[in-house]
Amino acid sequence: MFHVKHCMVEYLAAAFSKEEITGELAGYLKVNENQAQADLREVKGLEIERIYLRKRFQGQGLGKALLEKGPQITRRKQKEYVWLGVWERNEKAITFYEWMG
């Protein structure tokens, strides 16, 4: 019994070590509210200012997942609407946002 338990402890220590479960940052979502918003500085709105993904993580559905966080955060913060800010020359982002509807 000790041997099996010892093996399990070793496995758990290796498989769930800090190095194994601490992943590389794939990207981030930046939201602004109140006066931090770029344009519509209203207390009832929330701005999605930036969605950033490292190139090697693109095309895996992570951008969609981050974009869908905006409305979730909006509800949690009891805002009435969410809006998206994007640089007019960022064609890749604009294409993605249009594809997402």
PDB file of N, CA and C in Angstrom:
ATOM      1  N   MET A   1       0.825  -1.198   0.000  1.00  0.00           N
ATOM      2  CA  MET A   1       0.000   0.000   0.000  1.00  0.00           C
ATOM      3  C   MET A   1       0.867   1.259   0.000  1.00  0.00           C
ATOM      4  N   PHE A   2       1.928   1.232   0.798  1.00  0.00           N
ATOM      5  CA  PHE A   2       2.817   2.391   0.871  1.00  0.00           C
ATOM      6  C   PHE A   2       3.391   2.733  -0.495  1.00  0.00           C
ATOM      7  N   HIS A   3       3.778   1.691  -1.250  1.00  0.00           N
ATOM      8  CA  HIS A   3       4.390   1.909  -2.560  1.00  0.00           C
ATOM      9  C   HIS A   3       3.416   2.623  -3.504  1.00  0.00           C
ATOM     10  N   VAL A   4       2.173   2.180  -3.554  1.00  0.00           N
ATOM     11  CA  VAL A   4       1.169   2.802  -4.421  1.00  0.00           C
ATOM     12  C   VAL A   4       0.925   4.249  -3.985  1.00  0.00           C
ATOM     13  N   LYS A   5       0.776   4.451  -2.695  1.00  0.00           N
ATOM     14  CA  LYS A   5       0.546   5.803  -2.182  1.00  0.00           C
ATOM     15  C   LYS A   5       1.738   6.693  -2.480  1.00  0.00           C
ATOM     16  N   HIS A   6       2.935   6.174  -2.299  1.00  0.00           N
ATOM     17  CA  HIS A   6       4.150   6.944  -2.564  1.00  0.00           C
ATOM     18  C   HIS A   6       4.238   7.325  -4.044  1.00  0.00           C
ATOM     19  N   CYS A   7       3.906   6.379  -4.928  1.00  0.00           N
ATOM     20  CA  CYS A   7       3.923   6.652  -6.368  1.00  0.00           C
ATOM     21  C   CYS A   7       2.904   7.726  -6.735  1.00  0.00           C
ATOM     22  N   MET A   8       1.740   7.646  -6.113  1.00  0.00           N
ATOM     23  CA  MET A   8       0.707   8.642  -6.383  1.00  0.00           C
ATOM     24  C   MET A   8       1.162  10.022  -5.932  1.00  0.00           C
ATOM     25  N   VAL A   9       1.781  10.108  -4.778  1.00  0.00           N
ATOM     26  CA  VAL A   9       2.288  11.381  -4.268  1.00  0.00           C
ATOM     27  C   VAL A   9       3.344  11.942  -5.219  1.00  0.00           C
ATOM     28  N   GLU A  10       4.223  11.087  -5.698  1.00  0.00           N
ATOM     29  CA  GLU A  10       5.246  11.527  -6.649  1.00  0.00           C
ATOM     30  C   GLU A  10       4.612  12.006  -7.953  1.00  0.00           C
ATOM     31  N   TYR A  11       3.634  11.236  -8.438  1.00  0.00           N
ATOM     32  CA  TYR A  11       2.953  11.629  -9.677  1.00  0.00           C
ATOM     33  C   TYR A  11       2.272  12.988  -9.519  1.00  0.00           C
ATOM     34  N   LEU A  12       1.514  13.163  -8.455  1.00  0.00           N
ATOM     35  CA  LEU A  12       0.805  14.426  -8.229  1.00  0.00           C
ATOM     36  C   LEU A  12       1.787  15.585  -8.096  1.00  0.00           C
ATOM     37  N   ALA A  13       2.887  15.360  -7.414  1.00  0.00           N
ATOM     38  CA  ALA A  13       3.890  16.416  -7.249  1.00  0.00           C
ATOM     39  C   ALA A  13       4.482  16.822  -8.593  1.00  0.00           C
ATOM     40  N   ALA A  14       4.694  15.849  -9.481  1.00  0.00           N
ATOM     41  CA  ALA A  14       5.271  16.149 -10.788  1.00  0.00           C
ATOM     42  C   ALA A  14       4.235  16.721 -11.756  1.00  0.00           C
ATOM     43  N   ALA A  15       3.058  16.098 -11.823  1.00  0.00           N
ATOM     44  CA  ALA A  15       2.034  16.492 -12.795  1.00  0.00           C
ATOM     45  C   ALA A  15       1.398  17.830 -12.459  1.00  0.00           C
ATOM     46  N   PHE A  16       1.354  18.184 -11.193  1.00  0.00           N
ATOM     47  CA  PHE A  16       0.701  19.415 -10.778  1.00  0.00           C
ATOM     48  C   PHE A  16       1.675  20.364 -10.092  1.00  0.00           C
ATOM     49  N   SER A  17       2.917  20.291 -10.499  1.00  0.00           N
ATOM     50  CA  SER A  17       3.918  21.209  -9.951  1.00  0.00           C
ATOM     51  C   SER A  17       3.637  22.618 -10.456  1.00  0.00           C
ATOM     52  N   LYS A  18       4.219  23.579  -9.810  1.00  0.00           N
ATOM     53  CA  LYS A  18       4.036  24.978 -10.222  1.00  0.00           C
ATOM     54  C   LYS A  18       4.454  25.162 -11.680  1.00  0.00           C
ATOM     55  N   GLU A  19       5.519  24.504 -12.074  1.00  0.00           N
ATOM     56  CA  GLU A  19       6.008  24.621 -13.449  1.00  0.00           C
ATOM     57  C   GLU A  19       5.025  24.042 -14.461  1.00  0.00           C
ATOM     58  N   GLU A  20       4.356  22.943 -14.080  1.00  0.00           N
ATOM     59  CA  GLU A  20       3.413  22.299 -14.988  1.00  0.00           C
ATOM     60  C   GLU A  20       2.097  23.054 -15.120  1.00  0.00           C
ATOM     61  N   ILE A  21       1.612  23.632 -14.037  1.00  0.00           N
ATOM     62  CA  ILE A  21       0.292  24.275 -14.109  1.00  0.00           C
ATOM     63  C   ILE A  21       0.363  25.765 -14.387  1.00  0.00           C
ATOM     64  N   THR A  22       1.551  26.344 -14.303  1.00  0.00           N
ATOM     65  CA  THR A  22       1.706  27.754 -14.634  1.00  0.00           C
ATOM     66  C   THR A  22       2.003  27.844 -16.118  1.00  0.00           C
ATOM     67  N   GLY A  23       1.008  28.250 -16.886  1.00  0.00           N
ATOM     68  CA  GLY A  23       1.173  28.294 -18.332  1.00  0.00           C
ATOM     69  C   GLY A  23       1.697  29.623 -18.808  1.00  0.00           C
ATOM     70  N   GLU A  24       2.043  29.625 -20.054  1.00  0.00           N
ATOM     71  CA  GLU A  24       2.502  30.840 -20.710  1.00  0.00           C
ATOM     72  C   GLU A  24       1.293  31.736 -20.983  1.00  0.00           C
ATOM     73  N   LEU A  25       1.460  33.015 -20.812  1.00  0.00           N
ATOM     74  CA  LEU A  25       0.387  33.959 -21.088  1.00  0.00           C
ATOM     75  C   LEU A  25       0.094  33.956 -22.588  1.00  0.00           C
ATOM     76  N   ALA A  26      -1.151  33.652 -22.943  1.00  0.00           N
ATOM     77  CA  ALA A  26      -1.555  33.592 -24.344  1.00  0.00           C
ATOM     78  C   ALA A  26      -2.042  34.941 -24.841  1.00  0.00           C
ATOM     79  N   GLY A  27      -2.632  35.733 -23.952  1.00  0.00           N
ATOM     80  CA  GLY A  27      -3.179  37.018 -24.354  1.00  0.00           C
ATOM     81  C   GLY A  27      -3.919  37.650 -23.204  1.00  0.00           C
ATOM     82  N   TYR A  28      -4.631  38.728 -23.511  1.00  0.00           N
ATOM     83  CA  TYR A  28      -5.390  39.403 -22.464  1.00  0.00           C
ATOM     84  C   TYR A  28      -6.533  40.210 -23.063  1.00  0.00           C
ATOM     85  N   LEU A  29      -7.458  40.559 -22.204  1.00  0.00           N
ATOM     86  CA  LEU A  29      -8.598  41.416 -22.527  1.00  0.00           C
ATOM     87  C   LEU A  29      -8.482  42.643 -21.633  1.00  0.00           C
ATOM     88  N   LYS A  30      -8.546  43.829 -22.226  1.00  0.00           N
ATOM     89  CA  LYS A  30      -8.494  45.060 -21.437  1.00  0.00           C
ATOM     90  C   LYS A  30      -9.833  45.765 -21.567  1.00  0.00           C
ATOM     91  N   VAL A  31     -10.473  46.025 -20.430  1.00  0.00           N
ATOM     92  CA  VAL A  31     -11.737  46.758 -20.417  1.00  0.00           C
ATOM     93  C   VAL A  31     -11.564  48.045 -19.620  1.00  0.00           C
ATOM     94  N   ASN A  32     -12.343  49.033 -19.991  1.00  0.00           N
ATOM     95  CA  ASN A  32     -12.334  50.325 -19.301  1.00  0.00           C
ATOM     96  C   ASN A  32     -13.754  50.681 -18.888  1.00  0.00           C
ATOM     97  N   GLU A  33     -13.851  51.375 -17.783  1.00  0.00           N
ATOM     98  CA  GLU A  33     -15.162  51.869 -17.372  1.00  0.00           C
ATOM     99  C   GLU A  33     -15.015  53.308 -16.880  1.00  0.00           C
ATOM    100  N   ASN A  34     -16.149  53.978 -16.792  1.00  0.00           N
ATOM    101  CA  ASN A  34     -16.223  55.362 -16.317  1.00  0.00           C
ATOM    102  C   ASN A  34     -15.272  56.260 -17.098  1.00  0.00           C
ATOM    103  N   GLN A  35     -14.472  57.051 -16.434  1.00  0.00           N
ATOM    104  CA  GLN A  35     -13.616  58.030 -17.117  1.00  0.00           C
ATOM    105  C   GLN A  35     -12.423  57.403 -17.833  1.00  0.00           C
ATOM    106  N   ALA A  36     -12.143  56.152 -17.611  1.00  0.00           N
ATOM    107  CA  ALA A  36     -11.036  55.479 -18.295  1.00  0.00           C
ATOM    108  C   ALA A  36     -11.389  55.110 -19.736  1.00  0.00           C
ATOM    109  N   GLN A  37     -12.672  55.189 -20.105  1.00  0.00           N
ATOM    110  CA  GLN A  37     -13.096  54.843 -21.458  1.00  0.00           C
ATOM    111  C   GLN A  37     -12.540  55.851 -22.455  1.00  0.00           C
ATOM    112  N   ALA A  38     -12.275  55.369 -23.658  1.00  0.00           N
ATOM    113  CA  ALA A  38     -11.677  56.204 -24.690  1.00  0.00           C
ATOM    114  C   ALA A  38     -12.619  57.307 -25.172  1.00  0.00           C
ATOM    115  N   ASP A  39     -13.885  57.000 -25.370  1.00  0.00           N
ATOM    116  CA  ASP A  39     -14.806  57.979 -25.930  1.00  0.00           C
ATOM    117  C   ASP A  39     -16.069  58.170 -25.100  1.00  0.00           C
ATOM    118  N   LEU A  40     -16.866  57.150 -24.982  1.00  0.00           N
ATOM    119  CA  LEU A  40     -18.156  57.247 -24.305  1.00  0.00           C
ATOM    120  C   LEU A  40     -17.975  57.147 -22.795  1.00  0.00           C
ATOM    121  N   ARG A  41     -17.576  58.170 -22.165  1.00  0.00           N
ATOM    122  CA  ARG A  41     -17.248  58.122 -20.736  1.00  0.00           C
ATOM    123  C   ARG A  41     -18.494  58.157 -19.859  1.00  0.00           C
ATOM    124  N   GLU A  42     -19.386  57.208 -20.094  1.00  0.00           N
ATOM    125  CA  GLU A  42     -20.619  57.133 -19.320  1.00  0.00           C
ATOM    126  C   GLU A  42     -20.500  56.039 -18.267  1.00  0.00           C
ATOM    127  N   VAL A  43     -21.080  56.256 -17.123  1.00  0.00           N
ATOM    128  CA  VAL A  43     -21.000  55.261 -16.046  1.00  0.00           C
ATOM    129  C   VAL A  43     -21.809  54.006 -16.353  1.00  0.00           C
ATOM    130  N   LYS A  44     -22.735  54.095 -17.307  1.00  0.00           N
ATOM    131  CA  LYS A  44     -23.571  52.925 -17.591  1.00  0.00           C
ATOM    132  C   LYS A  44     -22.987  52.006 -18.669  1.00  0.00           C
ATOM    133  N   GLY A  45     -21.835  52.374 -19.243  1.00  0.00           N
ATOM    134  CA  GLY A  45     -21.221  51.558 -20.282  1.00  0.00           C
ATOM    135  C   GLY A  45     -19.862  51.005 -19.882  1.00  0.00           C
ATOM    136  N   LEU A  46     -19.425  50.006 -20.618  1.00  0.00           N
ATOM    137  CA  LEU A  46     -18.115  49.389 -20.423  1.00  0.00           C
ATOM    138  C   LEU A  46     -17.467  49.250 -21.797  1.00  0.00           C
ATOM    139  N   GLU A  47     -16.222  49.647 -21.911  1.00  0.00           N
ATOM    140  CA  GLU A  47     -15.497  49.574 -23.176  1.00  0.00           C
ATOM    141  C   GLU A  47     -14.571  48.358 -23.193  1.00  0.00           C
ATOM    142  N   ILE A  48     -14.647  47.593 -24.263  1.00  0.00           N
ATOM    143  CA  ILE A  48     -13.598  46.618 -24.542  1.00  0.00           C
ATOM    144  C   ILE A  48     -12.567  47.389 -25.358  1.00  0.00           C
ATOM    145  N   GLU A  49     -11.443  47.709 -24.737  1.00  0.00           N
ATOM    146  CA  GLU A  49     -10.425  48.505 -25.425  1.00  0.00           C
ATOM    147  C   GLU A  49      -9.490  47.638 -26.252  1.00  0.00           C
ATOM    148  N   ARG A  50      -9.152  46.477 -25.720  1.00  0.00           N
ATOM    149  CA  ARG A  50      -8.141  45.693 -26.408  1.00  0.00           C
ATOM    150  C   ARG A  50      -8.316  44.207 -26.134  1.00  0.00           C
ATOM    151  N   ILE A  51      -8.183  43.436 -27.194  1.00  0.00           N
ATOM    152  CA  ILE A  51      -8.051  41.987 -27.083  1.00  0.00           C
ATOM    153  C   ILE A  51      -6.731  41.669 -27.760  1.00  0.00           C
ATOM    154  N   TYR A  52      -5.839  41.068 -27.015  1.00  0.00           N
ATOM    155  CA  TYR A  52      -4.528  40.763 -27.552  1.00  0.00           C
ATOM    156  C   TYR A  52      -4.237  39.282 -27.379  1.00  0.00           C
ATOM    157  N   LEU A  53      -3.801  38.651 -28.453  1.00  0.00           N
ATOM    158  CA  LEU A  53      -3.349  37.257 -28.403  1.00  0.00           C
ATOM    159  C   LEU A  53      -2.001  37.157 -29.087  1.00  0.00           C
ATOM    160  N   ARG A  54      -1.107  36.435 -28.474  1.00  0.00           N
ATOM    161  CA  ARG A  54       0.157  36.157 -29.143  1.00  0.00           C
ATOM    162  C   ARG A  54      -0.139  35.378 -30.413  1.00  0.00           C
ATOM    163  N   LYS A  55       0.665  35.646 -31.417  1.00  0.00           N
ATOM    164  CA  LYS A  55       0.425  35.078 -32.740  1.00  0.00           C
ATOM    165  C   LYS A  55       0.245  33.562 -32.710  1.00  0.00           C
ATOM    166  N   ARG A  56       1.038  32.862 -31.949  1.00  0.00           N
ATOM    167  CA  ARG A  56       0.946  31.399 -31.969  1.00  0.00           C
ATOM    168  C   ARG A  56      -0.306  30.864 -31.286  1.00  0.00           C
ATOM    169  N   PHE A  57      -1.058  31.725 -30.580  1.00  0.00           N
ATOM    170  CA  PHE A  57      -2.301  31.311 -29.945  1.00  0.00           C
ATOM    171  C   PHE A  57      -3.528  31.728 -30.750  1.00  0.00           C
ATOM    172  N   GLN A  58      -3.313  32.441 -31.845  1.00  0.00           N
ATOM    173  CA  GLN A  58      -4.429  32.890 -32.663  1.00  0.00           C
ATOM    174  C   GLN A  58      -5.003  31.714 -33.454  1.00  0.00           C
ATOM    175  N   GLY A  59      -6.284  31.802 -33.776  1.00  0.00           N
ATOM    176  CA  GLY A  59      -6.944  30.768 -34.553  1.00  0.00           C
ATOM    177  C   GLY A  59      -7.375  29.556 -33.740  1.00  0.00           C
ATOM    178  N   GLN A  60      -7.382  29.688 -32.409  1.00  0.00           N
ATOM    179  CA  GLN A  60      -7.752  28.571 -31.539  1.00  0.00           C
ATOM    180  C   GLN A  60      -9.038  28.843 -30.757  1.00  0.00           C
ATOM    181  N   GLY A  61      -9.717  29.934 -31.083  1.00  0.00           N
ATOM    182  CA  GLY A  61     -10.957  30.268 -30.388  1.00  0.00           C
ATOM    183  C   GLY A  61     -10.763  31.098 -29.133  1.00  0.00           C
ATOM    184  N   LEU A  62      -9.523  31.462 -28.831  1.00  0.00           N
ATOM    185  CA  LEU A  62      -9.264  32.237 -27.612  1.00  0.00           C
ATOM    186  C   LEU A  62      -9.746  33.679 -27.745  1.00  0.00           C
ATOM    187  N   GLY A  63      -9.620  34.263 -28.942  1.00  0.00           N
ATOM    188  CA  GLY A  63     -10.113  35.621 -29.158  1.00  0.00           C
ATOM    189  C   GLY A  63     -11.612  35.699 -28.952  1.00  0.00           C
ATOM    190  N   LYS A  64     -12.313  34.720 -29.459  1.00  0.00           N
ATOM    191  CA  LYS A  64     -13.767  34.646 -29.267  1.00  0.00           C
ATOM    192  C   LYS A  64     -14.090  34.546 -27.781  1.00  0.00           C
ATOM    193  N   ALA A  65     -13.367  33.697 -27.072  1.00  0.00           N
ATOM    194  CA  ALA A  65     -13.608  33.526 -25.633  1.00  0.00           C
ATOM    195  C   ALA A  65     -13.367  34.835 -24.884  1.00  0.00           C
ATOM    196  N   LEU A  66     -12.316  35.546 -25.251  1.00  0.00           N
ATOM    197  CA  LEU A  66     -12.044  36.830 -24.595  1.00  0.00           C
ATOM    198  C   LEU A  66     -13.120  37.852 -24.932  1.00  0.00           C
ATOM    199  N   LEU A  67     -13.527  37.901 -26.203  1.00  0.00           N
ATOM    200  CA  LEU A  67     -14.575  38.840 -26.609  1.00  0.00           C
ATOM    201  C   LEU A  67     -15.875  38.565 -25.862  1.00  0.00           C
ATOM    202  N   GLU A  68     -16.185  37.310 -25.646  1.00  0.00           N
ATOM    203  CA  GLU A  68     -17.416  36.948 -24.932  1.00  0.00           C
ATOM    204  C   GLU A  68     -17.346  37.302 -23.446  1.00  0.00           C
ATOM    205  N   LYS A  69     -16.158  37.550 -22.930  1.00  0.00           N
ATOM    206  CA  LYS A  69     -16.014  37.969 -21.533  1.00  0.00           C
ATOM    207  C   LYS A  69     -16.560  39.380 -21.318  1.00  0.00           C
ATOM    208  N   GLY A  70     -16.514  40.219 -22.357  1.00  0.00           N
ATOM    209  CA  GLY A  70     -16.982  41.596 -22.240  1.00  0.00           C
ATOM    210  C   GLY A  70     -18.400  41.705 -21.708  1.00  0.00           C
ATOM    211  N   PRO A  71     -19.369  41.041 -22.344  1.00  0.00           N
ATOM    212  CA  PRO A  71     -20.739  41.081 -21.822  1.00  0.00           C
ATOM    213  C   PRO A  71     -20.867  40.479 -20.419  1.00  0.00           C
ATOM    214  N   GLN A  72     -20.078  39.454 -20.127  1.00  0.00           N
ATOM    215  CA  GLN A  72     -20.119  38.864 -18.781  1.00  0.00           C
ATOM    216  C   GLN A  72     -19.665  39.873 -17.731  1.00  0.00           C
ATOM    217  N   ILE A  73     -18.585  40.570 -18.032  1.00  0.00           N
ATOM    218  CA  ILE A  73     -18.081  41.597 -17.106  1.00  0.00           C
ATOM    219  C   ILE A  73     -19.092  42.724 -16.976  1.00  0.00           C
ATOM    220  N   THR A  74     -19.724  43.085 -18.098  1.00  0.00           N
ATOM    221  CA  THR A  74     -20.730  44.147 -18.107  1.00  0.00           C
ATOM    222  C   THR A  74     -21.878  43.815 -17.158  1.00  0.00           C
ATOM    223  N   ARG A  75     -22.359  42.585 -17.244  1.00  0.00           N
ATOM    224  CA  ARG A  75     -23.449  42.167 -16.351  1.00  0.00           C
ATOM    225  C   ARG A  75     -22.988  42.159 -14.893  1.00  0.00           C
ATOM    226  N   ARG A  76     -21.790  41.620 -14.654  1.00  0.00           N
ATOM    227  CA  ARG A  76     -21.285  41.530 -13.278  1.00  0.00           C
ATOM    228  C   ARG A  76     -21.125  42.915 -12.656  1.00  0.00           C
ATOM    229  N   LYS A  77     -20.725  43.888 -13.468  1.00  0.00           N
ATOM    230  CA  LYS A  77     -20.542  45.249 -12.973  1.00  0.00           C
ATOM    231  C   LYS A  77     -21.838  46.063 -13.053  1.00  0.00           C
ATOM    232  N   GLN A  78     -22.904  45.422 -13.479  1.00  0.00           N
ATOM    233  CA  GLN A  78     -24.226  46.039 -13.578  1.00  0.00           C
ATOM    234  C   GLN A  78     -24.221  47.259 -14.501  1.00  0.00           C
ATOM    235  N   LYS A  79     -23.541  47.116 -15.633  1.00  0.00           N
ATOM    236  CA  LYS A  79     -23.547  48.144 -16.675  1.00  0.00           C
ATOM    237  C   LYS A  79     -24.678  47.837 -17.647  1.00  0.00           C
ATOM    238  N   GLU A  80     -25.108  48.850 -18.388  1.00  0.00           N
ATOM    239  CA  GLU A  80     -26.218  48.667 -19.325  1.00  0.00           C
ATOM    240  C   GLU A  80     -25.772  48.172 -20.697  1.00  0.00           C
ATOM    241  N   TYR A  81     -24.539  48.491 -21.082  1.00  0.00           N
ATOM    242  CA  TYR A  81     -24.074  48.076 -22.404  1.00  0.00           C
ATOM    243  C   TYR A  81     -22.554  47.966 -22.419  1.00  0.00           C
ATOM    244  N   VAL A  82     -22.081  47.247 -23.428  1.00  0.00           N
ATOM    245  CA  VAL A  82     -20.648  47.123 -23.681  1.00  0.00           C
ATOM    246  C   VAL A  82     -20.402  47.617 -25.099  1.00  0.00           C
ATOM    247  N   TRP A  83     -19.291  48.296 -25.284  1.00  0.00           N
ATOM    248  CA  TRP A  83     -18.937  48.745 -26.628  1.00  0.00           C
ATOM    249  C   TRP A  83     -17.473  48.424 -26.896  1.00  0.00           C
ATOM    250  N   LEU A  84     -17.142  48.371 -28.159  1.00  0.00           N
ATOM    251  CA  LEU A  84     -15.839  47.914 -28.595  1.00  0.00           C
ATOM    252  C   LEU A  84     -15.076  49.052 -29.250  1.00  0.00           C
ATOM    253  N   GLY A  85     -13.890  49.313 -28.752  1.00  0.00           N
ATOM    254  CA  GLY A  85     -13.005  50.289 -29.376  1.00  0.00           C
ATOM    255  C   GLY A  85     -11.967  49.554 -30.212  1.00  0.00           C
ATOM    256  N   VAL A  86     -11.720  50.018 -31.427  1.00  0.00           N
ATOM    257  CA  VAL A  86     -10.708  49.395 -32.290  1.00  0.00           C
ATOM    258  C   VAL A  86     -10.075  50.473 -33.169  1.00  0.00           C
ATOM    259  N   TRP A  87      -8.778  50.366 -33.364  1.00  0.00           N
ATOM    260  CA  TRP A  87      -8.051  51.297 -34.231  1.00  0.00           C
ATOM    261  C   TRP A  87      -8.488  51.053 -35.663  1.00  0.00           C
ATOM    262  N   GLU A  88      -8.874  52.104 -36.366  1.00  0.00           N
ATOM    263  CA  GLU A  88      -9.437  51.952 -37.708  1.00  0.00           C
ATOM    264  C   GLU A  88      -8.475  51.336 -38.721  1.00  0.00           C
ATOM    265  N   ARG A  89      -7.192  51.288 -38.426  1.00  0.00           N
ATOM    266  CA  ARG A  89      -6.218  50.685 -39.347  1.00  0.00           C
ATOM    267  C   ARG A  89      -5.862  49.239 -38.975  1.00  0.00           C
ATOM    268  N   ASN A  90      -6.473  48.727 -37.924  1.00  0.00           N
ATOM    269  CA  ASN A  90      -6.221  47.345 -37.517  1.00  0.00           C
ATOM    270  C   ASN A  90      -7.191  46.430 -38.261  1.00  0.00           C
ATOM    271  N   GLU A  91      -6.867  46.186 -39.524  1.00  0.00           N
ATOM    272  CA  GLU A  91      -7.770  45.427 -40.393  1.00  0.00           C
ATOM    273  C   GLU A  91      -8.013  44.005 -39.897  1.00  0.00           C
ATOM    274  N   LYS A  92      -7.001  43.373 -39.341  1.00  0.00           N
ATOM    275  CA  LYS A  92      -7.175  42.014 -38.843  1.00  0.00           C
ATOM    276  C   LYS A  92      -8.201  41.980 -37.715  1.00  0.00           C
ATOM    277  N   ALA A  93      -8.096  42.933 -36.785  1.00  0.00           N
ATOM    278  CA  ALA A  93      -9.053  42.992 -35.677  1.00  0.00           C
ATOM    279  C   ALA A  93     -10.454  43.318 -36.187  1.00  0.00           C
ATOM    280  N   ILE A  94     -10.557  44.265 -37.084  1.00  0.00           N
ATOM    281  CA  ILE A  94     -11.866  44.651 -37.617  1.00  0.00           C
ATOM    282  C   ILE A  94     -12.522  43.463 -38.322  1.00  0.00           C
ATOM    283  N   THR A  95     -11.748  42.724 -39.108  1.00  0.00           N
ATOM    284  CA  THR A  95     -12.271  41.535 -39.780  1.00  0.00           C
ATOM    285  C   THR A  95     -12.767  40.515 -38.759  1.00  0.00           C
ATOM    286  N   PHE A  96     -11.989  40.311 -37.697  1.00  0.00           N
ATOM    287  CA  PHE A  96     -12.396  39.381 -36.640  1.00  0.00           C
ATOM    288  C   PHE A  96     -13.685  39.835 -35.983  1.00  0.00           C
ATOM    289  N   TYR A  97     -13.779  41.114 -35.618  1.00  0.00           N
ATOM    290  CA  TYR A  97     -14.972  41.629 -34.950  1.00  0.00           C
ATOM    291  C   TYR A  97     -16.197  41.542 -35.856  1.00  0.00           C
ATOM    292  N   GLU A  98     -16.007  41.824 -37.146  1.00  0.00           N
ATOM    293  CA  GLU A  98     -17.124  41.695 -38.085  1.00  0.00           C
ATOM    294  C   GLU A  98     -17.555  40.237 -38.204  1.00  0.00           C
ATOM    295  N   TRP A  99     -16.584  39.328 -38.246  1.00  0.00           N
ATOM    296  CA  TRP A  99     -16.889  37.898 -38.329  1.00  0.00           C
ATOM    297  C   TRP A  99     -17.661  37.440 -37.087  1.00  0.00           C
ATOM    298  N   MET A 100     -17.319  38.034 -35.941  1.00  0.00           N
ATOM    299  CA  MET A 100     -18.000  37.691 -34.695  1.00  0.00           C
ATOM    300  C   MET A 100     -19.390  38.336 -34.596  1.00  0.00           C
ATOM    301  N   GLY A 101     -19.662  39.291 -35.468  1.00  0.00           N
ATOM    302  CA  GLY A 101     -20.962  39.934 -35.473  1.00  0.00           C
ATOM    303  C   GLY A 101     -21.061  41.058 -34.501  1.00  0.00           C
TER     304      GLY A 101
END
